[in-house]
Protein backbone atom coordinates (compact mmCIF):
# COMPACT_ATOMS: atom_id res chain seq x y z
CA MET A 1 5.74 -8.06 4.94
CA SER A 2 5.80 -5.13 7.47
CA VAL A 3 3.74 -2.14 6.25
CA SER A 4 6.40 0.13 7.71
CA ALA A 5 8.78 -0.90 5.01
CA ILE A 6 6.36 0.17 2.33
CA THR A 7 6.81 3.77 3.10
CA ALA A 8 10.55 3.74 3.68
CA ASN A 9 11.70 6.21 1.17
CA SER A 10 13.10 9.95 0.99
CA ASN A 11 9.49 11.78 1.66
CA PRO A 12 9.54 13.67 4.91
CA PRO A 13 9.00 11.43 7.97
CA VAL A 14 5.43 13.05 8.53
CA TYR A 15 4.29 11.87 5.07
CA GLN A 16 5.96 8.41 5.93
CA ASN A 17 4.11 7.94 9.12
CA SER A 18 0.82 9.07 7.64
CA MET A 19 1.15 6.44 4.87
CA ARG A 20 2.18 3.86 7.16
CA GLN A 21 -0.58 4.18 9.27
CA ASP A 22 -3.09 4.30 6.36
CA LEU A 23 -1.75 1.11 4.96
CA GLN A 24 -1.97 -0.49 8.37
CA ALA A 25 -5.40 0.67 8.69
CA LEU A 26 -6.17 -0.90 5.31
CA GLN A 27 -4.33 -4.33 6.35
CA LYS A 28 -6.37 -4.33 9.44
CA ALA A 29 -9.69 -3.79 7.50
CA LEU A 30 -9.02 -6.33 4.99
CA ASN A 31 -7.69 -8.91 7.36
CA SER A 32 -11.08 -8.40 9.33
CA GLY A 33 -13.36 -8.38 6.15
CA ASP A 34 -14.32 -4.90 6.79
CA LEU A 35 -14.75 -3.63 3.04
CA ALA A 36 -16.28 -0.42 4.04
CA GLY A 37 -13.07 0.37 6.42
CA ALA A 38 -10.67 -0.77 3.64
CA GLN A 39 -12.07 1.51 1.12
CA GLN A 40 -11.86 4.37 3.59
CA ALA A 41 -8.42 3.56 4.51
CA PHE A 42 -7.46 3.44 0.83
CA ALA A 43 -9.01 6.79 0.43
CA THR A 44 -7.21 8.15 3.01
CA PHE A 45 -3.82 6.64 1.71
CA LYS A 46 -4.57 8.17 -1.56
CA ASP A 47 -4.92 11.76 -0.09
CA ASP A 48 -1.81 11.17 1.93
CA PHE A 49 0.03 9.88 -1.34
CA HIS A 50 -1.07 12.78 -3.06
CA SER A 51 -0.04 15.17 -0.51
CA THR A 52 3.45 13.72 -0.37
CA HIS A 53 3.85 13.92 -4.13
CA GLN A 54 2.59 17.53 -4.48
CA GLY A 55 -0.63 16.36 -6.01
CA ARG A 56 0.82 14.07 -8.67
CA ALA A 57 -0.96 11.14 -9.89
CA LEU A 58 0.74 7.69 -9.47
CA PHE A 59 1.73 7.39 -12.71
CA GLN A 60 3.61 10.90 -12.60
CA THR A 61 5.94 9.65 -9.78
CA HIS A 62 8.72 7.43 -9.16
CA VAL A 63 6.81 4.50 -7.93
CA PRO A 64 8.00 1.35 -9.91
CA VAL A 65 5.50 -0.04 -12.89
CA ALA A 66 4.65 -3.09 -10.80
CA ILE A 67 3.58 -1.45 -7.58
CA GLN A 68 1.59 1.09 -9.67
CA GLN A 69 -0.32 -2.04 -11.14
CA ASP A 70 -0.77 -3.46 -7.89
CA LEU A 71 -2.45 -0.40 -6.43
CA ARG A 72 -4.76 -0.22 -9.43
CA GLY A 73 -5.82 -3.70 -9.02
CA LEU A 74 -6.39 -2.95 -5.20
CA GLN A 75 -8.39 0.06 -6.27
CA SER A 76 -10.43 -1.84 -8.88
CA ALA A 77 -11.32 -4.47 -6.50
CA LEU A 78 -12.49 -2.03 -3.66
CA LYS A 79 -14.61 0.20 -6.16
CA ALA A 80 -16.31 -3.14 -7.26
CA GLY A 81 -16.72 -4.27 -3.66
CA ASP A 82 -14.82 -7.32 -4.22
CA LEU A 83 -13.12 -8.15 -0.79
CA ALA A 84 -11.47 -11.40 -1.83
CA GLY A 85 -9.89 -9.50 -4.84
CA ALA A 86 -9.08 -6.52 -2.75
CA GLN A 87 -7.28 -8.85 -0.21
CA GLN A 88 -5.15 -10.66 -3.05
CA ALA A 89 -4.45 -7.58 -4.82
CA PHE A 90 -3.01 -6.19 -1.46
CA ALA A 91 -0.94 -9.41 -0.87
CA THR A 92 0.58 -8.98 -4.29
CA PHE A 93 1.45 -5.50 -3.43
CA GLN A 94 3.08 -6.48 -0.24
CA GLN A 95 4.98 -9.34 -2.13
CA ASP A 96 6.13 -6.72 -4.85
CA MET A 97 7.27 -4.18 -2.22
CA THR A 98 9.33 -6.87 -0.39
CA GLN A 99 10.94 -7.69 -3.66
CA ARG A 100 11.61 -4.10 -4.45
CA LEU A 101 12.86 -3.51 -1.30
CA GLN A 102 15.24 -6.65 -1.35
CA HIS A 103 16.66 -5.05 -4.47
CA THR A 104 17.22 -1.56 -3.12
CA GLU A 105 18.33 -2.02 0.45
CA PRO A 106 21.99 -2.73 1.55
CA PRO A 107 22.49 -6.44 1.86
CA SER A 108 22.91 -6.22 5.99
CA VAL A 109 19.14 -5.02 6.20
CA GLU A 110 16.68 -7.83 7.01
CA PRO A 111 13.70 -8.00 4.63
CA PRO A 112 10.58 -6.98 6.30
CA GLN A 113 8.58 -9.70 7.81
CA SER A 114 4.79 -10.76 6.79
CA THR A 115 2.03 -10.01 9.31
CA GLU A 116 0.12 -12.79 10.90
CA GLY A 117 -3.12 -13.44 9.38
CA GLY A 118 -4.03 -12.45 5.59
CA SER A 119 -4.21 -9.43 3.57
CA SER A 120 -5.98 -6.40 3.63
CA PRO A 121 -7.34 -3.88 0.99
CA GLY A 122 -5.24 -0.65 0.12
CA VAL A 123 -6.48 3.06 -0.58
CA ASN A 124 -7.08 4.62 -3.98
CA VAL A 125 -3.82 6.39 -5.02
CA ILE A 126 -4.32 6.17 -8.66
CA ALA A 127 -6.25 9.16 -9.62
C-alpha cells in the first residue's frame, strides 16, 4: 500500500504531508531493519498526529478502532525493541488502511499499491 494513501483525509495538506513523510521514514527504517530509526520515525509521526488533532489522543479521534489497534500494536512492538513484531504490525496497519480506503473512496479510485520489499515500523500515536 502506498503510504500517501494513509493520510488522505480532511486534515490540512501541511499535516498530511508531514504524516506521510513520517510514515515513509518509518517504512524505510523497518524495511532496512533500523529499529532506532523506526522508533524515531514513529515518535515524529506521533507528534505530527497530535498537532493535526489538536493534541487529542488516538482514542479521542475519528480514527477507526481497527487502525487504533494496529497503531497500538506497532507502538508496543517498537517499545519492546521487537523489530519483527513492528514489521508485522506495520504490515497489518497497511492492510487495514487499504481495506478502509477501498470502502470509503469512490469506485473509480484505484486502491493504493504496496511498496516493494516488506514492512516498516510506525510512530507512537497512542499517548
